[in-house]
Amino acid sequence: MPADSVSLNPPIQYSIIWLIIGAVLLLLIAVWYGVLFWLTRHKPYASLANLKPAPPGFDLEKLKQKYLQLIDECYNAYKHDHATLRSLHKGLSMTVRYFVHEANHFPAPRLTLADLKRAPYPELSRVVEDYYAKEFAAVEHGNAEASVEAAKDMVRRWA
């Protein structure tokens, strides 16, 4: 072949669609790693140091009256046979937990009994522990009036 007849062939021409597909795949991989990082990152633990303070104008006495009324409603439902003794204890347990949640912004409704025992609220853990035995026993037992009075006493004495 003569030297002046040498020709270069251009590289294989790819369609632009392959470049777009490759860029989208790289973007999806980057997004996937971002999502994994977001879901598995170390989250701060809830502790007494980072609890929210009570809002201005917070009235603890009004909150106590609200929860004393809710305790009475649980007891009235039991007295009128709309609830069993087991559901009364469950209702009382959740009522005192939500009272502490509203009064101190402490996540008591989401905690187990073991978590509550480690919390700085021994009165709450004592009352809830008393309800656990009656709430989860195979046979319903317990004194409804004493349980209601224990819940009311805890709410009244809360500071």
C-alpha atoms as a PDB file:
ATOM      1  CA  MET A   1       0.000   0.000   0.000  1.00  0.00           C
ATOM      2  CA  PRO A   2       1.212   3.400  -0.788  1.00  0.00           C
ATOM      3  CA  ALA A   3       1.821   5.811   2.125  1.00  0.00           C
ATOM      4  CA  ASP A   4      -0.618   8.401   0.878  1.00  0.00           C
ATOM      5  CA  SER A   5      -3.474   5.890   0.821  1.00  0.00           C
ATOM      6  CA  VAL A   6      -3.302   5.190   4.582  1.00  0.00           C
ATOM      7  CA  SER A   7      -6.484   6.290   6.275  1.00  0.00           C
ATOM      8  CA  LEU A   8      -7.444   6.312   9.893  1.00  0.00           C
ATOM      9  CA  ASN A   9     -10.720   4.861  10.946  1.00  0.00           C
ATOM     10  CA  PRO A  10     -12.641   6.854  13.543  1.00  0.00           C
ATOM     11  CA  PRO A  11     -13.350   5.153  16.871  1.00  0.00           C
ATOM     12  CA  ILE A  12     -16.551   3.261  17.133  1.00  0.00           C
ATOM     13  CA  GLN A  13     -19.333   5.742  17.470  1.00  0.00           C
ATOM     14  CA  TYR A  14     -21.695   5.036  20.362  1.00  0.00           C
ATOM     15  CA  SER A  15     -25.130   6.499  20.631  1.00  0.00           C
ATOM     16  CA  ILE A  16     -25.639   9.281  23.233  1.00  0.00           C
ATOM     17  CA  ILE A  17     -28.185   7.076  25.006  1.00  0.00           C
ATOM     18  CA  TRP A  18     -25.365   4.945  26.479  1.00  0.00           C
ATOM     19  CA  LEU A  19     -23.763   8.016  28.033  1.00  0.00           C
ATOM     20  CA  ILE A  20     -27.095   8.998  29.575  1.00  0.00           C
ATOM     21  CA  ILE A  21     -27.706   5.463  30.900  1.00  0.00           C
ATOM     22  CA  GLY A  22     -24.219   5.369  32.447  1.00  0.00           C
ATOM     23  CA  ALA A  23     -24.662   8.773  34.096  1.00  0.00           C
ATOM     24  CA  VAL A  24     -28.055   7.763  35.523  1.00  0.00           C
ATOM     25  CA  LEU A  25     -26.599   4.520  36.909  1.00  0.00           C
ATOM     26  CA  LEU A  26     -23.751   6.407  38.589  1.00  0.00           C
ATOM     27  CA  LEU A  27     -26.250   8.871  40.042  1.00  0.00           C
ATOM     28  CA  LEU A  28     -28.427   6.033  41.378  1.00  0.00           C
ATOM     29  CA  ILE A  29     -25.400   4.414  43.022  1.00  0.00           C
ATOM     30  CA  ALA A  30     -24.484   7.730  44.677  1.00  0.00           C
ATOM     31  CA  VAL A  31     -28.063   8.185  45.910  1.00  0.00           C
ATOM     32  CA  TRP A  32     -28.093   4.608  47.257  1.00  0.00           C
ATOM     33  CA  TYR A  33     -24.925   5.244  49.278  1.00  0.00           C
ATOM     34  CA  GLY A  34     -26.402   8.505  50.555  1.00  0.00           C
ATOM     35  CA  VAL A  35     -29.574   6.749  51.712  1.00  0.00           C
ATOM     36  CA  LEU A  36     -27.574   4.009  53.427  1.00  0.00           C
ATOM     37  CA  PHE A  37     -25.445   6.590  55.192  1.00  0.00           C
ATOM     38  CA  TRP A  38     -28.528   8.535  56.311  1.00  0.00           C
ATOM     39  CA  LEU A  39     -30.296   5.443  57.670  1.00  0.00           C
ATOM     40  CA  THR A  40     -27.280   4.003  59.490  1.00  0.00           C
ATOM     41  CA  ARG A  41     -25.722   7.152  60.890  1.00  0.00           C
ATOM     42  CA  HIS A  42     -25.194   7.477  64.631  1.00  0.00           C
ATOM     43  CA  LYS A  43     -28.173   9.272  66.137  1.00  0.00           C
ATOM     44  CA  PRO A  44     -27.892  11.100  69.463  1.00  0.00           C
ATOM     45  CA  TYR A  45     -29.409   9.341  72.442  1.00  0.00           C
ATOM     46  CA  ALA A  46     -32.274  10.906  74.320  1.00  0.00           C
ATOM     47  CA  SER A  47     -31.069  11.827  77.772  1.00  0.00           C
ATOM     48  CA  LEU A  48     -31.908  14.248  80.530  1.00  0.00           C
ATOM     49  CA  ALA A  49     -29.353  16.663  79.116  1.00  0.00           C
ATOM     50  CA  ASN A  50     -31.188  17.106  75.825  1.00  0.00           C
ATOM     51  CA  LEU A  51     -34.817  17.034  76.998  1.00  0.00           C
ATOM     52  CA  LYS A  52     -36.880  20.022  75.935  1.00  0.00           C
ATOM     53  CA  PRO A  53     -37.764  22.487  78.707  1.00  0.00           C
ATOM     54  CA  ALA A  54     -41.383  23.117  79.566  1.00  0.00           C
ATOM     55  CA  PRO A  55     -42.955  25.721  77.312  1.00  0.00           C
ATOM     56  CA  PRO A  56     -43.663  29.145  78.781  1.00  0.00           C
ATOM     57  CA  GLY A  57     -47.040  29.343  80.426  1.00  0.00           C
ATOM     58  CA  PHE A  58     -47.017  25.615  81.258  1.00  0.00           C
ATOM     59  CA  ASP A  59     -49.512  24.878  84.032  1.00  0.00           C
ATOM     60  CA  LEU A  60     -48.729  21.643  85.856  1.00  0.00           C
ATOM     61  CA  GLU A  61     -51.865  21.844  88.018  1.00  0.00           C
ATOM     62  CA  LYS A  62     -54.069  22.018  84.937  1.00  0.00           C
ATOM     63  CA  LEU A  63     -52.236  19.015  83.478  1.00  0.00           C
ATOM     64  CA  LYS A  64     -52.715  17.110  86.736  1.00  0.00           C
ATOM     65  CA  GLN A  65     -56.455  17.805  86.645  1.00  0.00           C
ATOM     66  CA  LYS A  66     -56.630  16.579  83.052  1.00  0.00           C
ATOM     67  CA  TYR A  67     -54.936  13.282  83.923  1.00  0.00           C
ATOM     68  CA  LEU A  68     -56.906  12.790  87.143  1.00  0.00           C
ATOM     69  CA  GLN A  69     -60.017  13.060  84.982  1.00  0.00           C
ATOM     70  CA  LEU A  70     -58.599  10.531  82.493  1.00  0.00           C
ATOM     71  CA  ILE A  71     -57.892   8.123  85.373  1.00  0.00           C
ATOM     72  CA  ASP A  72     -61.490   8.544  86.539  1.00  0.00           C
ATOM     73  CA  GLU A  73     -62.705   7.822  82.996  1.00  0.00           C
ATOM     74  CA  CYS A  74     -60.691   4.570  82.927  1.00  0.00           C
ATOM     75  CA  TYR A  75     -62.194   3.566  86.273  1.00  0.00           C
ATOM     76  CA  ASN A  76     -65.733   4.472  85.208  1.00  0.00           C
ATOM     77  CA  ALA A  77     -65.352   2.335  82.082  1.00  0.00           C
ATOM     78  CA  TYR A  78     -64.319  -0.563  84.330  1.00  0.00           C
ATOM     79  CA  LYS A  79     -67.184   0.026  86.798  1.00  0.00           C
ATOM     80  CA  HIS A  80     -69.749   0.036  83.983  1.00  0.00           C
ATOM     81  CA  ASP A  81     -68.337  -3.197  82.499  1.00  0.00           C
ATOM     82  CA  HIS A  82     -66.957  -1.491  79.383  1.00  0.00           C
ATOM     83  CA  ALA A  83     -63.447  -2.667  80.297  1.00  0.00           C
ATOM     84  CA  THR A  84     -61.882  -5.657  81.987  1.00  0.00           C
ATOM     85  CA  LEU A  85     -59.582  -5.469  84.985  1.00  0.00           C
ATOM     86  CA  ARG A  86     -56.655  -6.192  82.678  1.00  0.00           C
ATOM     87  CA  SER A  87     -57.576  -3.347  80.313  1.00  0.00           C
ATOM     88  CA  LEU A  88     -58.077  -1.037  83.324  1.00  0.00           C
ATOM     89  CA  HIS A  89     -54.483  -1.675  84.399  1.00  0.00           C
ATOM     90  CA  LYS A  90     -53.265  -1.200  80.839  1.00  0.00           C
ATOM     91  CA  GLY A  91     -55.162   2.074  80.584  1.00  0.00           C
ATOM     92  CA  LEU A  92     -53.833   3.305  83.925  1.00  0.00           C
ATOM     93  CA  SER A  93     -50.281   2.391  82.947  1.00  0.00           C
ATOM     94  CA  MET A  94     -50.504   4.314  79.691  1.00  0.00           C
ATOM     95  CA  THR A  95     -52.226   7.253  81.378  1.00  0.00           C
ATOM     96  CA  VAL A  96     -49.461   7.762  83.951  1.00  0.00           C
ATOM     97  CA  ARG A  97     -46.829   7.280  81.233  1.00  0.00           C
ATOM     98  CA  TYR A  98     -48.414   9.964  79.048  1.00  0.00           C
ATOM     99  CA  PHE A  99     -48.725  12.237  82.070  1.00  0.00           C
ATOM    100  CA  VAL A 100     -44.964  12.025  82.631  1.00  0.00           C
ATOM    101  CA  HIS A 101     -44.419  12.530  78.904  1.00  0.00           C
ATOM    102  CA  GLU A 102     -46.457  15.732  78.885  1.00  0.00           C
ATOM    103  CA  ALA A 103     -45.132  16.995  82.214  1.00  0.00           C
ATOM    104  CA  ASN A 104     -41.413  16.373  81.612  1.00  0.00           C
ATOM    105  CA  HIS A 105     -41.107  15.583  77.880  1.00  0.00           C
ATOM    106  CA  PHE A 106     -39.764  12.158  78.846  1.00  0.00           C
ATOM    107  CA  PRO A 107     -40.547   9.354  76.331  1.00  0.00           C
ATOM    108  CA  ALA A 108     -42.194   7.137  78.962  1.00  0.00           C
ATOM    109  CA  PRO A 109     -44.934   5.735  76.662  1.00  0.00           C
ATOM    110  CA  ARG A 110     -42.301   4.140  74.397  1.00  0.00           C
ATOM    111  CA  LEU A 111     -40.096   2.633  77.115  1.00  0.00           C
ATOM    112  CA  THR A 112     -40.143  -0.852  78.561  1.00  0.00           C
ATOM    113  CA  LEU A 113     -40.299  -1.487  82.284  1.00  0.00           C
ATOM    114  CA  ALA A 114     -36.541  -2.139  82.351  1.00  0.00           C
ATOM    115  CA  ASP A 115     -35.945   1.226  80.691  1.00  0.00           C
ATOM    116  CA  LEU A 116     -38.258   2.944  83.162  1.00  0.00           C
ATOM    117  CA  LYS A 117     -36.377   1.412  86.083  1.00  0.00           C
ATOM    118  CA  ARG A 118     -33.182   3.039  84.811  1.00  0.00           C
ATOM    119  CA  ALA A 119     -34.960   6.380  84.382  1.00  0.00           C
ATOM    120  CA  PRO A 120     -34.757   9.087  87.032  1.00  0.00           C
ATOM    121  CA  TYR A 121     -38.434   8.659  87.924  1.00  0.00           C
ATOM    122  CA  PRO A 122     -38.684   5.907  90.581  1.00  0.00           C
ATOM    123  CA  GLU A 123     -42.314   6.720  91.404  1.00  0.00           C
ATOM    124  CA  LEU A 124     -43.356   6.126  87.793  1.00  0.00           C
ATOM    125  CA  SER A 125     -41.424   2.873  87.524  1.00  0.00           C
ATOM    126  CA  ARG A 126     -42.897   1.640  90.829  1.00  0.00           C
ATOM    127  CA  VAL A 127     -46.478   2.297  89.686  1.00  0.00           C
ATOM    128  CA  VAL A 128     -45.949   0.815  86.217  1.00  0.00           C
ATOM    129  CA  GLU A 129     -44.224  -2.243  87.694  1.00  0.00           C
ATOM    130  CA  ASP A 130     -47.235  -2.803  89.915  1.00  0.00           C
ATOM    131  CA  TYR A 131     -49.503  -2.654  86.859  1.00  0.00           C
ATOM    132  CA  TYR A 132     -47.312  -5.018  84.815  1.00  0.00           C
ATOM    133  CA  ALA A 133     -48.031  -7.963  87.084  1.00  0.00           C
ATOM    134  CA  LYS A 134     -51.764  -7.320  86.854  1.00  0.00           C
ATOM    135  CA  GLU A 135     -51.774  -6.462  83.161  1.00  0.00           C
ATOM    136  CA  PHE A 136     -49.817  -9.443  81.860  1.00  0.00           C
ATOM    137  CA  ALA A 137     -50.777 -12.190  84.331  1.00  0.00           C
ATOM    138  CA  ALA A 138     -52.458 -15.325  82.990  1.00  0.00           C
ATOM    139  CA  VAL A 139     -55.370 -14.789  85.383  1.00  0.00           C
ATOM    140  CA  GLU A 140     -56.827 -11.350  86.000  1.00  0.00           C
ATOM    141  CA  HIS A 141     -56.262 -10.214  89.565  1.00  0.00           C
ATOM    142  CA  GLY A 142     -55.770  -7.071  91.578  1.00  0.00           C
ATOM    143  CA  ASN A 143     -57.795  -4.424  93.310  1.00  0.00           C
ATOM    144  CA  ALA A 144     -59.151  -1.832  90.891  1.00  0.00           C
ATOM    145  CA  GLU A 145     -59.712   0.817  93.553  1.00  0.00           C
ATOM    146  CA  ALA A 146     -56.162   0.484  94.915  1.00  0.00           C
ATOM    147  CA  SER A 147     -54.702   0.684  91.400  1.00  0.00           C
ATOM    148  CA  VAL A 148     -56.701   3.801  90.581  1.00  0.00           C
ATOM    149  CA  GLU A 149     -55.678   5.403  93.864  1.00  0.00           C
ATOM    150  CA  ALA A 150     -52.001   4.610  93.184  1.00  0.00           C
ATOM    151  CA  ALA A 151     -52.226   6.326  89.788  1.00  0.00           C
ATOM    152  CA  LYS A 152     -54.013   9.353  91.241  1.00  0.00           C
ATOM    153  CA  ASP A 153     -51.512   9.577  94.091  1.00  0.00           C
ATOM    154  CA  MET A 154     -48.579   9.562  91.667  1.00  0.00           C
ATOM    155  CA  VAL A 155     -50.150  12.313  89.554  1.00  0.00           C
ATOM    156  CA  ARG A 156     -51.042  14.433  92.609  1.00  0.00           C
ATOM    157  CA  ARG A 157     -47.533  14.209  94.107  1.00  0.00           C
ATOM    158  CA  TRP A 158     -45.691  14.883  90.833  1.00  0.00           C
ATOM    159  CA  ALA A 159     -43.467  17.936  91.073  1.00  0.00           C
END
